[in-house]
């Protein structure tokens, strides 16, 4: 077991950090921090990501992607601005969902633009009544000759308001054993009519794009249905297992930056005639923060490494995200307390880090459902089905 990064991994981390500092953060700073970025700014970001070669990291090389190991993808994502990282996870995972089971003609139509960053993808799965229960999807897919009709509503869709291509999870009913037959359908938003998208303001990640999507008898070509009946749930689980530790690593990255700000403040700020850093309780808080960050990173990297080795990831991925998001939120909160009143100032940035970290506890499974997923792996008994 080796806990040291390889030379290639160190170069990847350093290059991604430079990309963030020199290219991505300047784009973000040109726009209001509390409003979603315009589509043109996101295309500028995706052009930079494409030039860096990271728009489709998990897409197999024979489909035009990088086919990168999950662990390396996580090391890279940790260095990106959080609002860019969560958008990229959605886009990258959507290219995988799109390509799995699609015809060569469909792949040739969409994947080149998606991997080149000229277009942005998203996946629409969650609904008001089926957030954690993928089998309760109610958005309906009906096939009529050469056309497929989509009717329903999706909620909490990352990239929804800026995407060009949407992979929608729909139901076609149930099989003879009562099991849901969910399907993946590609919706080209440049061609489809009767799609309404509304952005949802939330606590953090305010430059991002979380949306509600309405499908009112939306027609798409029947060849846009990809995969086999009932396989949508499998690909949801595969993506969730990969996404969860990735989201945990993003949070660990946020907490690490908060720690650095608090540590520097404590070294320079004097109270009662001496540096804050010399006080015992301050040192304990700094120790707790670094411990939380380190443990979170190691747990998420371990979960990604398990996926790279073909191991079952349901429990380890759920455990990693739940631990990392919770501990990272605590780490940011402690950093804010060490900063005193400065910790609440927008100028310092810790309050935004707190809000962003809190949001990451929701996507791809809240902490409660993640505990039940992990518990199912421990006991071989499902608490929710």
Protein backbone atom coordinates (compact mmCIF):
# COMPACT_ATOMS: atom_id res chain seq x y z
CA UNK A 1 0.00 0.00 0.00
CA UNK A 2 1.47 3.34 -1.10
CA UNK A 3 0.08 6.64 0.16
CA UNK A 4 2.43 8.76 -1.96
CA UNK A 5 1.33 10.24 -5.27
CA UNK A 6 3.14 9.11 -8.37
CA UNK A 7 5.09 11.65 -10.40
CA UNK A 8 2.27 11.70 -12.98
CA UNK A 9 -0.32 12.33 -10.26
CA UNK A 10 1.73 15.17 -8.78
CA UNK A 11 2.00 16.76 -12.21
CA UNK A 12 -1.77 16.37 -12.72
CA UNK A 13 -2.52 18.04 -9.38
CA UNK A 14 -0.08 20.90 -10.00
CA UNK A 15 -1.36 21.49 -13.54
CA UNK A 16 -4.99 21.50 -12.39
CA UNK A 17 -4.17 23.97 -9.62
CA UNK A 18 -2.55 26.28 -12.17
CA UNK A 19 -5.57 25.95 -14.46
CA UNK A 20 -7.79 27.04 -11.58
CA UNK A 21 -5.64 29.99 -10.52
CA UNK A 22 -4.74 31.29 -13.97
CA UNK A 23 -7.89 30.59 -15.99
CA UNK A 24 -10.98 29.41 -14.13
CA UNK A 25 -11.00 31.69 -11.08
CA UNK A 26 -10.55 34.83 -13.21
CA UNK A 27 -13.63 33.83 -15.23
CA UNK A 28 -15.64 33.30 -12.04
CA UNK A 29 -14.50 36.64 -10.57
CA UNK A 30 -15.76 38.53 -13.62
CA UNK A 31 -19.32 37.63 -12.61
CA UNK A 32 -21.48 38.19 -9.55
CA UNK A 33 -20.73 35.58 -6.88
CA UNK A 34 -24.39 35.15 -5.94
CA UNK A 35 -25.89 34.62 -9.41
CA UNK A 36 -25.71 31.75 -11.84
CA UNK A 37 -23.05 32.17 -14.50
CA UNK A 38 -24.25 33.00 -18.01
CA UNK A 39 -24.08 30.21 -20.59
CA UNK A 40 -21.25 31.97 -22.44
CA UNK A 41 -19.08 31.99 -19.31
CA UNK A 42 -19.70 28.27 -18.83
CA UNK A 43 -18.75 27.58 -22.44
CA UNK A 44 -15.54 29.55 -21.84
CA UNK A 45 -14.87 27.35 -18.82
CA UNK A 46 -15.60 24.17 -20.76
CA UNK A 47 -13.33 25.30 -23.59
CA UNK A 48 -10.52 25.63 -21.04
CA UNK A 49 -11.35 22.22 -19.55
CA UNK A 50 -11.37 20.69 -23.04
CA UNK A 51 -7.98 22.20 -23.85
CA UNK A 52 -6.76 20.67 -20.59
CA UNK A 53 -8.30 17.36 -21.71
CA UNK A 54 -10.72 16.79 -18.82
CA UNK A 55 -14.26 17.20 -20.16
CA UNK A 56 -14.93 13.44 -20.37
CA UNK A 57 -12.61 11.77 -17.90
CA UNK A 58 -14.63 8.60 -17.25
CA UNK A 59 -15.75 8.15 -20.85
CA UNK A 60 -13.83 5.23 -22.43
CA UNK A 61 -11.01 6.13 -24.79
CA UNK A 62 -12.70 4.33 -27.70
CA UNK A 63 -15.58 6.81 -27.34
CA UNK A 64 -13.28 9.83 -27.36
CA UNK A 65 -12.88 10.20 -23.59
CA UNK A 66 -9.84 9.99 -21.37
CA UNK A 67 -10.76 6.70 -19.67
CA UNK A 68 -9.07 8.06 -16.54
CA UNK A 69 -8.89 6.17 -13.28
CA UNK A 70 -11.44 7.33 -10.70
CA UNK A 71 -8.66 8.08 -8.21
CA UNK A 72 -6.87 10.41 -10.62
CA UNK A 73 -10.16 12.10 -11.51
CA UNK A 74 -10.71 12.78 -7.80
CA UNK A 75 -7.23 14.24 -7.34
CA UNK A 76 -7.93 16.62 -10.20
CA UNK A 77 -11.45 17.61 -9.11
CA UNK A 78 -10.22 18.55 -5.64
CA UNK A 79 -8.20 21.38 -7.23
CA UNK A 80 -11.06 22.89 -9.27
CA UNK A 81 -13.43 25.61 -8.05
CA UNK A 82 -16.37 23.78 -6.44
CA UNK A 83 -18.98 25.24 -8.80
CA UNK A 84 -16.91 24.08 -11.79
CA UNK A 85 -16.21 20.69 -10.26
CA UNK A 86 -19.87 19.79 -9.65
CA UNK A 87 -20.79 20.92 -13.16
CA UNK A 88 -18.01 18.79 -14.61
CA UNK A 89 -19.13 15.72 -12.62
CA UNK A 90 -22.61 16.08 -14.11
CA UNK A 91 -21.29 16.62 -17.64
CA UNK A 92 -18.74 13.80 -17.44
CA UNK A 93 -21.20 11.30 -15.97
CA UNK A 94 -23.77 12.24 -18.60
CA UNK A 95 -21.37 11.43 -21.44
CA UNK A 96 -20.92 7.97 -19.92
CA UNK A 97 -24.69 7.47 -19.56
CA UNK A 98 -25.24 8.68 -23.12
CA UNK A 99 -22.63 6.41 -24.67
CA UNK A 100 -23.62 3.23 -22.82
CA UNK A 101 -26.01 1.45 -25.18
CA UNK A 102 -26.36 4.26 -27.72
CA UNK A 103 -25.94 3.59 -31.43
CA UNK A 104 -22.79 4.62 -33.24
CA UNK A 105 -24.79 7.26 -35.08
CA UNK A 106 -26.06 8.82 -31.83
CA UNK A 107 -22.59 8.75 -30.27
CA UNK A 108 -21.08 10.34 -33.38
CA UNK A 109 -23.74 13.04 -33.26
CA UNK A 110 -23.19 14.13 -29.66
CA UNK A 111 -19.93 12.92 -28.12
CA UNK A 112 -17.45 14.95 -30.25
CA UNK A 113 -19.04 18.27 -29.22
CA UNK A 114 -19.36 17.17 -25.60
CA UNK A 115 -15.74 16.02 -25.29
CA UNK A 116 -14.56 19.19 -27.06
CA UNK A 117 -16.45 21.40 -24.61
CA UNK A 118 -18.55 22.98 -27.36
CA UNK A 119 -21.70 21.61 -25.76
CA UNK A 120 -22.66 20.82 -22.16
CA UNK A 121 -24.54 17.75 -20.93
CA UNK A 122 -26.58 16.93 -17.86
CA UNK A 123 -28.60 14.03 -16.43
CA UNK A 124 -32.21 14.44 -15.27
CA UNK A 125 -33.11 11.74 -12.76
CA UNK A 126 -34.45 13.21 -9.50
CA UNK A 127 -38.12 14.07 -9.04
CA UNK A 128 -40.18 15.48 -6.22
CA UNK A 129 -41.36 12.01 -5.19
CA UNK A 130 -38.30 9.95 -6.12
CA UNK A 131 -35.14 11.69 -4.90
CA UNK A 132 -33.47 8.67 -3.31
CA UNK A 133 -35.87 6.07 -4.71
CA UNK A 134 -34.93 5.67 -8.36
CA UNK A 135 -37.66 3.04 -8.78
CA UNK A 136 -40.33 5.66 -8.06
CA UNK A 137 -39.63 7.69 -11.21
CA UNK A 138 -42.90 8.92 -12.71
CA UNK A 139 -41.72 10.84 -15.80
CA UNK A 140 -43.34 8.82 -18.56
CA UNK A 141 -41.90 7.59 -21.85
CA UNK A 142 -44.30 6.49 -24.58
CA UNK A 143 -43.20 5.23 -28.01
CA UNK A 144 -45.37 6.10 -30.99
CA UNK A 145 -43.88 4.82 -34.22
CA UNK A 146 -40.62 6.65 -34.91
CA UNK A 147 -41.10 9.14 -32.09
CA UNK A 148 -40.79 8.88 -28.32
CA UNK A 149 -42.91 11.11 -26.07
CA UNK A 150 -41.69 12.33 -22.67
CA UNK A 151 -44.06 13.76 -20.05
CA UNK A 152 -43.19 14.66 -16.50
CA UNK A 153 -41.13 16.85 -14.19
CA UNK A 154 -37.54 16.65 -12.95
CA UNK A 155 -36.06 18.44 -9.94
CA UNK A 156 -32.58 19.41 -8.65
CA UNK A 157 -30.92 18.99 -12.05
CA UNK A 158 -27.29 20.16 -12.15
CA UNK A 159 -26.44 21.97 -15.43
CA UNK A 160 -30.14 21.94 -16.33
CA UNK A 161 -30.37 25.58 -17.44
CA UNK A 162 -27.12 25.63 -19.44
CA UNK A 163 -27.04 22.19 -21.03
CA UNK A 164 -27.42 21.39 -24.70
CA UNK A 165 -28.02 17.66 -24.24
CA UNK A 166 -29.98 16.05 -21.42
CA UNK A 167 -30.06 12.34 -20.51
CA UNK A 168 -33.49 11.81 -18.97
CA UNK A 169 -34.51 8.85 -16.83
CA UNK A 170 -38.08 7.79 -17.64
CA UNK A 171 -40.42 4.94 -16.85
CA UNK A 172 -42.15 2.73 -19.39
CA UNK A 173 -44.09 0.79 -16.75
CA UNK A 174 -43.19 -2.50 -15.07
CA UNK A 175 -42.27 -6.02 -16.12
CA UNK A 176 -44.35 -9.11 -15.32
CA UNK A 177 -42.73 -9.30 -11.87
CA UNK A 178 -43.61 -5.73 -11.02
CA UNK A 179 -40.08 -4.40 -11.44
CA UNK A 180 -39.85 -0.89 -12.97
CA UNK A 181 -38.68 -0.62 -16.57
CA UNK A 182 -36.81 2.67 -16.49
CA UNK A 183 -35.14 3.94 -19.66
CA UNK A 184 -32.54 6.55 -20.60
CA UNK A 185 -33.59 9.03 -23.26
CA UNK A 186 -31.47 11.75 -24.90
CA UNK A 187 -33.16 15.11 -25.27
CA UNK A 188 -31.46 17.59 -27.61
CA UNK A 189 -32.57 20.97 -26.28
CA UNK A 190 -31.77 22.67 -29.58
CA UNK A 191 -34.43 20.52 -31.27
CA UNK A 192 -36.96 19.52 -28.63
CA UNK A 193 -40.06 21.61 -28.03
CA UNK A 194 -42.22 21.98 -24.91
CA UNK A 195 -39.31 21.78 -22.45
CA UNK A 196 -39.46 24.40 -19.70
CA UNK A 197 -36.48 24.97 -17.38
CA UNK A 198 -36.50 27.03 -14.19
CA UNK A 199 -33.40 27.72 -12.08
CA UNK A 200 -33.64 27.07 -8.33
CA UNK A 201 -31.81 29.50 -6.00
CA UNK A 202 -30.12 27.62 -3.13
CA UNK A 203 -27.89 28.22 -0.11
CA UNK A 204 -24.52 27.77 -1.79
CA UNK A 205 -22.84 27.17 -5.15
CA UNK A 206 -24.75 30.25 -6.30
CA UNK A 207 -22.82 30.64 -9.53
CA UNK A 208 -24.00 27.16 -10.48
CA UNK A 209 -27.09 25.95 -12.28
CA UNK A 210 -29.56 23.80 -10.35
CA UNK A 211 -32.89 23.55 -12.12
CA UNK A 212 -36.40 22.20 -12.34
CA UNK A 213 -37.34 20.79 -15.76
CA UNK A 214 -40.84 20.27 -17.19
CA UNK A 215 -41.54 17.96 -20.14
CA UNK A 216 -44.93 18.55 -21.77
CA UNK A 217 -45.31 15.77 -24.36
CA UNK A 218 -41.79 16.34 -25.63
CA UNK A 219 -41.05 14.42 -28.83
CA UNK A 220 -37.62 12.95 -29.60
CA UNK A 221 -36.49 10.42 -32.23
CA UNK A 222 -36.94 6.84 -31.06
CA UNK A 223 -33.21 6.20 -31.65
CA UNK A 224 -32.54 8.60 -28.76
CA UNK A 225 -33.68 5.87 -26.38
CA UNK A 226 -30.46 4.21 -25.24
CA UNK A 227 -29.73 0.97 -23.44
CA UNK A 228 -32.11 -1.81 -22.49
CA UNK A 229 -35.43 -1.63 -20.63
CA UNK A 230 -34.75 -1.48 -16.90
CA UNK A 231 -31.01 -0.71 -17.12
CA UNK A 232 -31.32 2.98 -16.16
CA UNK A 233 -31.14 2.05 -12.47
CA UNK A 234 -27.88 0.19 -12.97
CA UNK A 235 -26.21 3.20 -14.53
CA UNK A 236 -27.62 5.48 -11.84
CA UNK A 237 -25.98 3.31 -9.18
CA UNK A 238 -22.67 3.08 -11.04
CA UNK A 239 -22.50 6.86 -11.42
CA UNK A 240 -23.63 7.50 -7.85
CA UNK A 241 -20.95 5.18 -6.49
CA UNK A 242 -18.32 7.11 -8.42
CA UNK A 243 -19.76 10.56 -7.74
CA UNK A 244 -20.09 10.23 -3.97
CA UNK A 245 -16.38 10.10 -3.06
CA UNK A 246 -15.71 12.71 -5.76
CA UNK A 247 -18.11 15.09 -4.03
CA UNK A 248 -16.47 14.24 -0.72
CA UNK A 249 -13.07 15.17 -2.14
CA UNK A 250 -14.38 18.51 -3.39
CA UNK A 251 -15.54 19.23 0.16
CA UNK A 252 -12.16 18.18 1.56
CA UNK A 253 -10.56 20.63 -0.86
CA UNK A 254 -12.82 23.43 0.36
CA UNK A 255 -12.06 22.57 3.99
CA UNK A 256 -8.33 22.51 3.25
CA UNK A 257 -8.48 26.05 1.87
CA UNK A 258 -10.49 27.19 4.90
CA UNK A 259 -7.88 25.62 7.18
CA UNK A 260 -5.07 27.51 5.46
CA UNK A 261 -6.88 30.83 5.91
CA UNK A 262 -7.58 30.14 9.60
CA UNK A 263 -4.04 28.89 10.28
CA UNK A 264 -2.48 32.00 8.74
CA UNK A 265 -4.87 34.23 10.70
CA UNK A 266 -4.00 32.54 13.98
CA UNK A 267 -0.29 32.91 13.30
CA UNK A 268 -0.60 36.67 12.71
CA UNK A 269 -3.47 37.75 14.96
CA UNK A 270 -2.55 38.71 18.53
CA UNK A 271 -4.80 38.56 21.57
CA UNK A 272 -3.77 39.18 25.18
CA UNK A 273 -0.31 40.11 23.99
CA UNK A 274 0.50 36.92 22.09
CA UNK A 275 -0.39 35.13 18.83
CA UNK A 276 -3.66 33.22 18.76
CA UNK A 277 -1.69 30.23 17.52
CA UNK A 278 0.05 29.94 20.90
CA UNK A 279 -3.20 29.28 22.77
CA UNK A 280 -4.05 25.71 23.65
CA UNK A 281 -7.69 25.65 22.52
CA UNK A 282 -6.75 27.29 19.23
CA UNK A 283 -4.13 24.62 18.63
CA UNK A 284 -6.70 21.93 19.42
CA UNK A 285 -9.12 23.41 16.87
CA UNK A 286 -6.39 23.59 14.23
CA UNK A 287 -5.49 19.98 14.98
CA UNK A 288 -9.15 18.93 14.69
CA UNK A 289 -9.50 20.75 11.36
CA UNK A 290 -6.42 19.20 9.77
CA UNK A 291 -7.40 15.78 11.10
CA UNK A 292 -10.88 16.10 9.58
CA UNK A 293 -9.46 17.15 6.21
CA UNK A 294 -6.85 14.40 6.12
CA UNK A 295 -9.24 11.65 7.19
CA UNK A 296 -11.84 12.81 4.66
CA UNK A 297 -9.34 12.80 1.81
CA UNK A 298 -8.01 9.35 2.67
CA UNK A 299 -11.47 7.81 2.95
CA UNK A 300 -12.58 9.24 -0.41
CA UNK A 301 -9.36 8.25 -2.17
CA UNK A 302 -9.70 4.75 -0.72
CA UNK A 303 -13.26 4.48 -2.07
CA UNK A 304 -12.15 5.63 -5.54
CA UNK A 305 -9.24 3.20 -5.51
CA UNK A 306 -11.65 0.38 -4.67
CA UNK A 307 -13.74 1.30 -7.72
CA UNK A 308 -10.61 1.33 -9.90
CA UNK A 309 -9.91 -2.23 -8.75
CA UNK A 310 -13.41 -3.41 -9.61
CA UNK A 311 -14.60 -3.78 -6.02
CA UNK A 312 -18.20 -3.23 -4.96
CA UNK A 313 -18.56 0.43 -4.09
CA UNK A 314 -22.06 0.83 -2.64
CA UNK A 315 -21.04 0.88 1.02
CA UNK A 316 -17.55 2.38 0.76
CA UNK A 317 -18.69 5.23 -1.48
CA UNK A 318 -21.68 6.05 0.71
CA UNK A 319 -19.50 5.97 3.82
CA UNK A 320 -16.85 8.19 2.23
CA UNK A 321 -19.26 10.91 1.11
CA UNK A 322 -21.18 10.97 4.39
CA UNK A 323 -17.99 11.23 6.45
CA UNK A 324 -16.20 13.71 4.19
CA UNK A 325 -19.09 16.13 3.77
CA UNK A 326 -19.88 16.11 7.50
CA UNK A 327 -16.27 16.48 8.63
CA UNK A 328 -15.48 19.10 6.01
CA UNK A 329 -18.48 21.17 7.09
CA UNK A 330 -17.27 20.93 10.68
CA UNK A 331 -13.77 21.92 9.59
CA UNK A 332 -15.03 25.03 7.79
CA UNK A 333 -17.21 25.93 10.77
CA UNK A 334 -14.23 25.66 13.14
CA UNK A 335 -12.15 27.78 10.76
CA UNK A 336 -14.84 30.46 10.83
CA UNK A 337 -14.87 30.43 14.63
CA UNK A 338 -11.10 30.83 14.79
CA UNK A 339 -11.40 33.90 12.58
CA UNK A 340 -13.94 35.56 14.89
CA UNK A 341 -15.97 38.30 13.18
CA UNK A 342 -13.74 38.04 10.10
CA UNK A 343 -15.05 34.53 9.58
CA UNK A 344 -18.48 35.89 8.74
CA UNK A 345 -17.25 38.55 6.28
CA UNK A 346 -17.89 37.96 2.59
CA UNK A 347 -14.48 39.41 1.75
CA UNK A 348 -12.64 36.55 3.49
CA UNK A 349 -14.68 33.89 1.70
CA UNK A 350 -15.21 31.44 4.55
CA UNK A 351 -18.95 32.05 4.68
CA UNK A 352 -19.20 31.04 1.02
CA UNK A 353 -17.11 27.95 1.74
CA UNK A 354 -19.52 27.02 4.55
CA UNK A 355 -22.56 27.46 2.28
CA UNK A 356 -20.96 25.52 -0.57
CA UNK A 357 -19.91 22.66 1.69
CA UNK A 358 -23.38 22.41 3.18
CA UNK A 359 -24.92 22.03 -0.28
CA UNK A 360 -22.67 19.06 -1.09
CA UNK A 361 -24.37 17.01 1.63
CA UNK A 362 -27.45 16.71 -0.61
CA UNK A 363 -26.57 15.58 -4.18
CA UNK A 364 -26.21 11.85 -4.93
CA UNK A 365 -27.66 10.91 -1.56
CA UNK A 366 -28.30 12.79 1.67
CA UNK A 367 -26.43 11.66 4.78
CA UNK A 368 -29.44 9.76 6.05
CA UNK A 369 -29.88 7.66 2.93
CA UNK A 370 -26.12 7.13 2.70
CA UNK A 371 -26.10 5.70 6.24
CA UNK A 372 -28.86 3.28 5.22
CA UNK A 373 -26.98 2.24 2.08
CA UNK A 374 -23.88 1.59 4.15
CA UNK A 375 -25.96 -0.21 6.78
CA UNK A 376 -27.44 -2.45 4.09
CA UNK A 377 -23.93 -3.46 3.05
CA UNK A 378 -23.00 -4.21 6.67
CA UNK A 379 -26.10 -6.22 7.56
CA UNK A 380 -27.25 -7.52 4.16
CA UNK A 381 -30.65 -6.14 5.15
CA UNK A 382 -32.32 -3.19 3.45
CA UNK A 383 -33.96 -0.64 5.76
CA UNK A 384 -35.84 1.15 3.00
CA UNK A 385 -37.00 -1.60 0.62
